[in-house]
Amino acid sequence: MTLCELDNYFRGFLKIEDYATDPSRNGIQIQNSAPDKKQIKKVAFAVDACEATALAAVENGADLLFVHHGLFWGDCEVITGSVYARYSAFLKNDLALYACHIPLDANNPYGNNYGLAARLELKNLKPFGEWRSSVIGVKGELDAVLSIEQLAEKVLKPGEKPLAILPFGKKEIKTVGIISGGAAGDVNQAVSCNLDAYITGEVNHEIYHYVRESKINVIGAGHYQTETIGVNLVRAKLEKETGIETIFIDIPTGL
């Protein structure tokens, strides 16, 4: 498949056009030298577009890097310093870049939030968490009640640890809301839904007392750790359906 054909493939299920309020410039961010002719034989997947992931993709023989966090966030940047290093890693190696931010958070079933819900085996799933007029998260019910520590252990892969646990809610957790990444401020939506626990990536100082006073459990499972899910679900889907070789580049930030 060419880059243009892959763009159509990804758009077919990621529904990028449904998230026009996302300033992340979703889709092809850097093309290759022949986007309608050059065959993409290997695709690398990673959470972040940076010099390190680009060079790792090149070293592993990839023609395209698919990421959750791309290079563009609405505003233009001058191409100097670290920005030049990032761009040149792609351009010098004819490596294409494809980014999918909010659409990959929200997608059912290939996104970060529904992927985490599947890991928890949540039932009675319903859309949850509004962001710029789009609903990007999910809420549901556990099969059996869990403690906050048990929930944190289940939501993470073996060897991963949560960044923060705020155990201010019920001791027995049944209902859970999920918005991956940097959505600490959206805990108020979990409170409004009367959920027992809220899972996101980051937890900041500003929400601490609100969480305690609202008597809700919150897990900051790691921005990076909660957003490896979607890229790997898309990776597995691409490889299964097209036969294109794929690789996941794991460069955790610890944040």
Protein backbone atom coordinates (compact mmCIF):
# COMPACT_ATOMS: atom_id res chain seq x y z
CA MET A 1 0.00 0.00 0.00
CA THR A 2 1.13 3.55 -0.68
CA LEU A 3 1.03 6.35 1.87
CA CYS A 4 -2.10 7.76 0.24
CA GLU A 5 -3.79 4.35 0.39
CA LEU A 6 -2.82 3.96 4.05
CA ASP A 7 -4.24 7.40 4.78
CA ASN A 8 -7.59 6.24 3.38
CA TYR A 9 -7.33 3.00 5.35
CA PHE A 10 -6.70 4.75 8.68
CA ARG A 11 -9.39 7.35 8.07
CA GLY A 12 -11.85 4.55 7.32
CA PHE A 13 -12.03 3.50 10.97
CA LEU A 14 -10.36 6.25 13.01
CA LYS A 15 -12.99 8.80 11.93
CA ILE A 16 -10.54 11.69 11.93
CA GLU A 17 -13.04 14.01 10.27
CA ASP A 18 -15.37 13.71 13.29
CA TYR A 19 -12.88 15.60 15.48
CA ALA A 20 -12.48 18.91 13.69
CA THR A 21 -11.94 20.76 16.99
CA ASP A 22 -8.69 18.86 17.61
CA PRO A 23 -5.81 21.21 16.65
CA SER A 24 -3.37 18.31 16.32
CA ARG A 25 -3.31 18.17 12.48
CA ASN A 26 -4.35 14.51 12.43
CA GLY A 27 -3.38 12.41 9.43
CA ILE A 28 -0.26 12.65 7.26
CA GLN A 29 2.06 15.18 8.89
CA ILE A 30 5.16 14.45 6.80
CA GLN A 31 4.84 12.70 3.46
CA ASN A 32 7.51 10.60 1.77
CA SER A 33 9.09 11.26 -1.62
CA ALA A 34 6.30 9.49 -3.56
CA PRO A 35 3.13 9.28 -1.45
CA ASP A 36 1.03 7.85 -4.29
CA LYS A 37 3.66 5.46 -5.65
CA LYS A 38 6.14 4.27 -3.01
CA GLN A 39 5.03 1.05 -1.34
CA ILE A 40 4.96 1.08 2.46
CA LYS A 41 6.48 -2.25 3.46
CA LYS A 42 6.94 -1.66 7.20
CA VAL A 43 5.19 0.65 9.66
CA ALA A 44 6.58 1.63 13.06
CA PHE A 45 4.22 2.66 15.84
CA ALA A 46 5.07 4.83 18.85
CA VAL A 47 3.40 7.18 21.31
CA ASP A 48 5.51 10.24 20.50
CA ALA A 49 6.97 11.75 17.35
CA CYS A 50 10.49 12.82 18.26
CA GLU A 51 14.03 12.41 16.99
CA ALA A 52 14.49 9.19 18.99
CA THR A 53 11.41 7.42 17.62
CA ALA A 54 12.13 8.58 14.07
CA LEU A 55 15.69 7.27 14.16
CA ALA A 56 14.56 4.01 15.75
CA ALA A 57 11.97 3.61 12.99
CA VAL A 58 14.65 4.16 10.35
CA GLU A 59 17.04 1.75 12.06
CA ASN A 60 14.32 -0.90 12.01
CA GLY A 61 13.64 -0.38 8.31
CA ALA A 62 10.25 1.33 8.61
CA ASP A 63 8.83 3.49 5.83
CA LEU A 64 6.19 5.15 8.01
CA LEU A 65 5.95 6.14 11.67
CA PHE A 66 2.43 6.21 13.16
CA VAL A 67 2.13 8.10 16.45
CA HIS A 68 -0.39 9.40 18.95
CA HIS A 69 1.49 12.64 19.66
CA GLY A 70 2.57 14.23 16.40
CA LEU A 71 4.72 17.28 15.63
CA PHE A 72 1.97 19.86 15.12
CA TRP A 73 -0.34 21.33 17.75
CA GLY A 74 -2.06 24.12 15.89
CA ASP A 75 0.58 26.85 15.85
CA CYS A 76 3.52 27.06 13.48
CA GLU A 77 7.06 26.69 14.77
CA VAL A 78 10.37 27.92 13.40
CA ILE A 79 12.51 24.98 12.33
CA THR A 80 15.50 25.48 14.61
CA GLY A 81 17.11 23.61 17.49
CA SER A 82 15.21 20.51 18.63
CA VAL A 83 12.44 21.16 16.07
CA TYR A 84 15.03 20.96 13.27
CA ALA A 85 16.42 17.73 14.75
CA ARG A 86 12.96 16.17 14.72
CA TYR A 87 12.03 17.26 11.22
CA SER A 88 15.36 16.35 9.69
CA ALA A 89 15.23 12.82 11.11
CA PHE A 90 12.16 12.25 8.93
CA LEU A 91 13.15 14.22 5.84
CA LYS A 92 16.74 12.97 5.55
CA ASN A 93 15.55 9.37 5.72
CA ASP A 94 12.40 9.69 3.57
CA LEU A 95 10.37 8.54 6.58
CA ALA A 96 6.68 9.48 6.51
CA LEU A 97 4.83 10.53 9.66
CA TYR A 98 1.18 9.86 10.50
CA ALA A 99 -0.41 11.22 13.68
CA CYS A 100 -3.73 10.52 15.36
CA HIS A 101 -4.40 12.30 18.63
CA ILE A 102 -7.96 12.80 19.94
CA PRO A 103 -9.50 10.39 17.40
CA LEU A 104 -7.22 7.68 18.80
CA ASP A 105 -8.17 8.51 22.39
CA ALA A 106 -11.85 8.23 21.59
CA ASN A 107 -12.06 5.39 19.08
CA ASN A 108 -14.17 2.34 19.87
CA PRO A 109 -12.66 -0.26 19.94
CA TYR A 110 -9.14 0.75 18.79
CA GLY A 111 -8.55 3.78 21.01
CA ASN A 112 -6.78 4.33 24.30
CA ASN A 113 -9.87 4.67 26.45
CA TYR A 114 -11.87 1.75 25.10
CA GLY A 115 -8.67 -0.30 25.10
CA LEU A 116 -8.21 0.39 28.81
CA ALA A 117 -11.89 -0.42 29.41
CA ALA A 118 -11.35 -3.77 27.67
CA ARG A 119 -8.31 -4.44 29.85
CA LEU A 120 -10.51 -3.87 32.92
CA GLU A 121 -13.30 -5.95 31.34
CA LEU A 122 -15.78 -3.15 32.02
CA LYS A 123 -19.42 -3.85 31.17
CA ASN A 124 -22.32 -1.58 30.19
CA LEU A 125 -19.96 0.81 28.42
CA LYS A 126 -21.17 4.32 27.73
CA PRO A 127 -19.45 7.38 26.22
CA PHE A 128 -18.06 9.70 28.90
CA GLY A 129 -15.96 12.83 29.11
CA GLU A 130 -16.64 15.80 26.86
CA TRP A 131 -13.75 17.71 25.30
CA ARG A 132 -14.39 20.62 22.91
CA SER A 133 -17.87 19.31 22.09
CA SER A 134 -16.60 15.76 21.49
CA VAL A 135 -17.01 12.83 23.87
CA ILE A 136 -13.65 11.10 24.08
CA GLY A 137 -13.74 8.81 27.14
CA VAL A 138 -15.73 5.84 28.37
CA LYS A 139 -17.37 4.70 31.59
CA GLY A 140 -18.60 1.31 32.71
CA GLU A 141 -18.99 -1.22 35.49
CA LEU A 142 -16.62 -3.83 36.86
CA ASP A 143 -17.75 -7.45 37.07
CA ALA A 144 -16.83 -7.50 40.76
CA VAL A 145 -15.93 -4.77 43.21
CA LEU A 146 -12.24 -3.92 43.55
CA SER A 147 -10.15 -1.85 45.91
CA ILE A 148 -8.30 1.15 44.51
CA GLU A 149 -5.03 -0.83 44.70
CA GLN A 150 -6.54 -3.79 42.84
CA LEU A 151 -7.94 -1.48 40.18
CA ALA A 152 -4.56 0.19 39.67
CA GLU A 153 -2.88 -3.20 39.33
CA LYS A 154 -5.42 -4.39 36.78
CA VAL A 155 -5.33 -1.30 34.58
CA LEU A 156 -1.55 -1.47 34.17
CA LYS A 157 0.62 -4.06 32.48
CA PRO A 158 2.97 -6.21 34.59
CA GLY A 159 5.96 -4.16 35.69
CA GLU A 160 4.20 -0.81 35.29
CA LYS A 161 3.42 1.37 38.30
CA PRO A 162 0.89 4.20 38.64
CA LEU A 163 2.22 7.72 38.99
CA ALA A 164 -0.34 8.57 41.65
CA ILE A 165 -3.25 7.08 43.56
CA LEU A 166 -5.73 9.33 45.36
CA PRO A 167 -7.81 6.90 47.51
CA PHE A 168 -10.50 9.31 48.65
CA GLY A 169 -13.64 7.48 47.53
CA LYS A 170 -15.45 4.25 48.28
CA LYS A 171 -13.41 1.29 49.48
CA GLU A 172 -15.33 -0.98 47.10
CA ILE A 173 -15.20 0.29 43.52
CA LYS A 174 -17.80 -0.75 40.96
CA THR A 175 -18.14 2.12 38.45
CA VAL A 176 -15.19 3.60 36.56
CA GLY A 177 -14.62 6.47 34.12
CA ILE A 178 -11.57 6.64 31.84
CA ILE A 179 -9.90 9.46 29.91
CA SER A 180 -6.26 8.70 29.07
CA GLY A 181 -3.35 11.12 29.05
CA GLY A 182 -3.45 14.61 30.53
CA ALA A 183 -7.08 14.75 31.64
CA ALA A 184 -6.73 15.35 35.38
CA GLY A 185 -9.01 18.39 35.21
CA ASP A 186 -11.86 16.28 33.82
CA VAL A 187 -12.29 14.47 37.13
CA ASN A 188 -15.22 16.85 37.73
CA GLN A 189 -17.11 14.99 35.00
CA ALA A 190 -16.55 11.71 36.87
CA VAL A 191 -17.86 13.36 40.02
CA SER A 192 -20.93 14.63 38.14
CA CYS A 193 -21.61 11.06 36.97
CA ASN A 194 -21.29 9.80 40.55
CA LEU A 195 -18.58 7.32 39.55
CA ASP A 196 -16.59 5.41 42.15
CA ALA A 197 -13.25 5.90 40.41
CA TYR A 198 -11.64 7.93 37.65
CA ILE A 199 -8.61 6.77 35.65
CA THR A 200 -6.43 9.14 33.65
CA GLY A 201 -2.74 9.54 32.85
CA GLU A 202 -1.58 12.52 34.87
CA VAL A 203 -2.67 13.81 38.27
CA ASN A 204 -1.66 17.35 39.20
CA HIS A 205 -1.56 19.37 42.39
CA GLU A 206 -4.54 21.52 41.43
CA ILE A 207 -7.07 18.67 41.67
CA TYR A 208 -5.92 17.13 44.96
CA HIS A 209 -8.25 18.91 47.36
CA TYR A 210 -11.16 18.81 44.92
CA VAL A 211 -10.78 15.03 44.66
CA ARG A 212 -10.56 14.65 48.43
CA GLU A 213 -13.57 16.87 49.07
CA SER A 214 -15.57 15.14 46.34
CA LYS A 215 -14.83 11.72 47.85
CA ILE A 216 -13.79 10.00 44.64
CA ASN A 217 -10.92 7.61 43.87
CA VAL A 218 -8.46 8.71 41.18
CA ILE A 219 -5.64 6.81 39.53
CA GLY A 220 -2.95 8.63 37.57
CA ALA A 221 -1.76 5.62 35.59
CA GLY A 222 0.83 7.55 33.57
CA HIS A 223 0.37 9.68 30.47
CA TYR A 224 2.67 7.43 28.45
CA GLN A 225 1.43 4.17 29.97
CA THR A 226 -2.23 4.94 29.24
CA GLU A 227 -1.47 5.88 25.64
CA THR A 228 0.51 2.90 24.40
CA ILE A 229 -2.85 1.12 24.09
CA GLY A 230 -4.31 2.72 20.97
CA VAL A 231 -1.20 2.65 18.79
CA ASN A 232 -0.75 -1.05 19.54
CA LEU A 233 -4.38 -1.86 18.77
CA VAL A 234 -4.07 -0.07 15.43
CA ARG A 235 -0.72 -1.80 14.82
CA ALA A 236 -2.26 -5.25 15.34
CA LYS A 237 -5.23 -4.40 13.12
CA LEU A 238 -3.02 -3.13 10.29
CA GLU A 239 -0.75 -6.17 10.34
CA LYS A 240 -3.66 -8.63 10.49
CA GLU A 241 -5.71 -7.02 7.73
CA THR A 242 -2.99 -5.95 5.27
CA GLY A 243 0.00 -8.17 5.99
CA ILE A 244 2.24 -5.09 6.29
CA GLU A 245 5.04 -5.70 8.79
CA THR A 246 4.82 -3.57 11.93
CA ILE A 247 6.89 -2.77 14.99
CA PHE A 248 6.21 -0.93 18.26
CA ILE A 249 8.92 1.47 19.41
CA ASP A 250 8.77 1.72 23.20
CA ILE A 251 10.39 4.86 24.59
CA PRO A 252 8.71 5.42 27.96
CA THR A 253 9.00 8.82 29.62
CA GLY A 254 8.09 7.69 33.13
CA LEU A 255 5.48 10.45 33.16
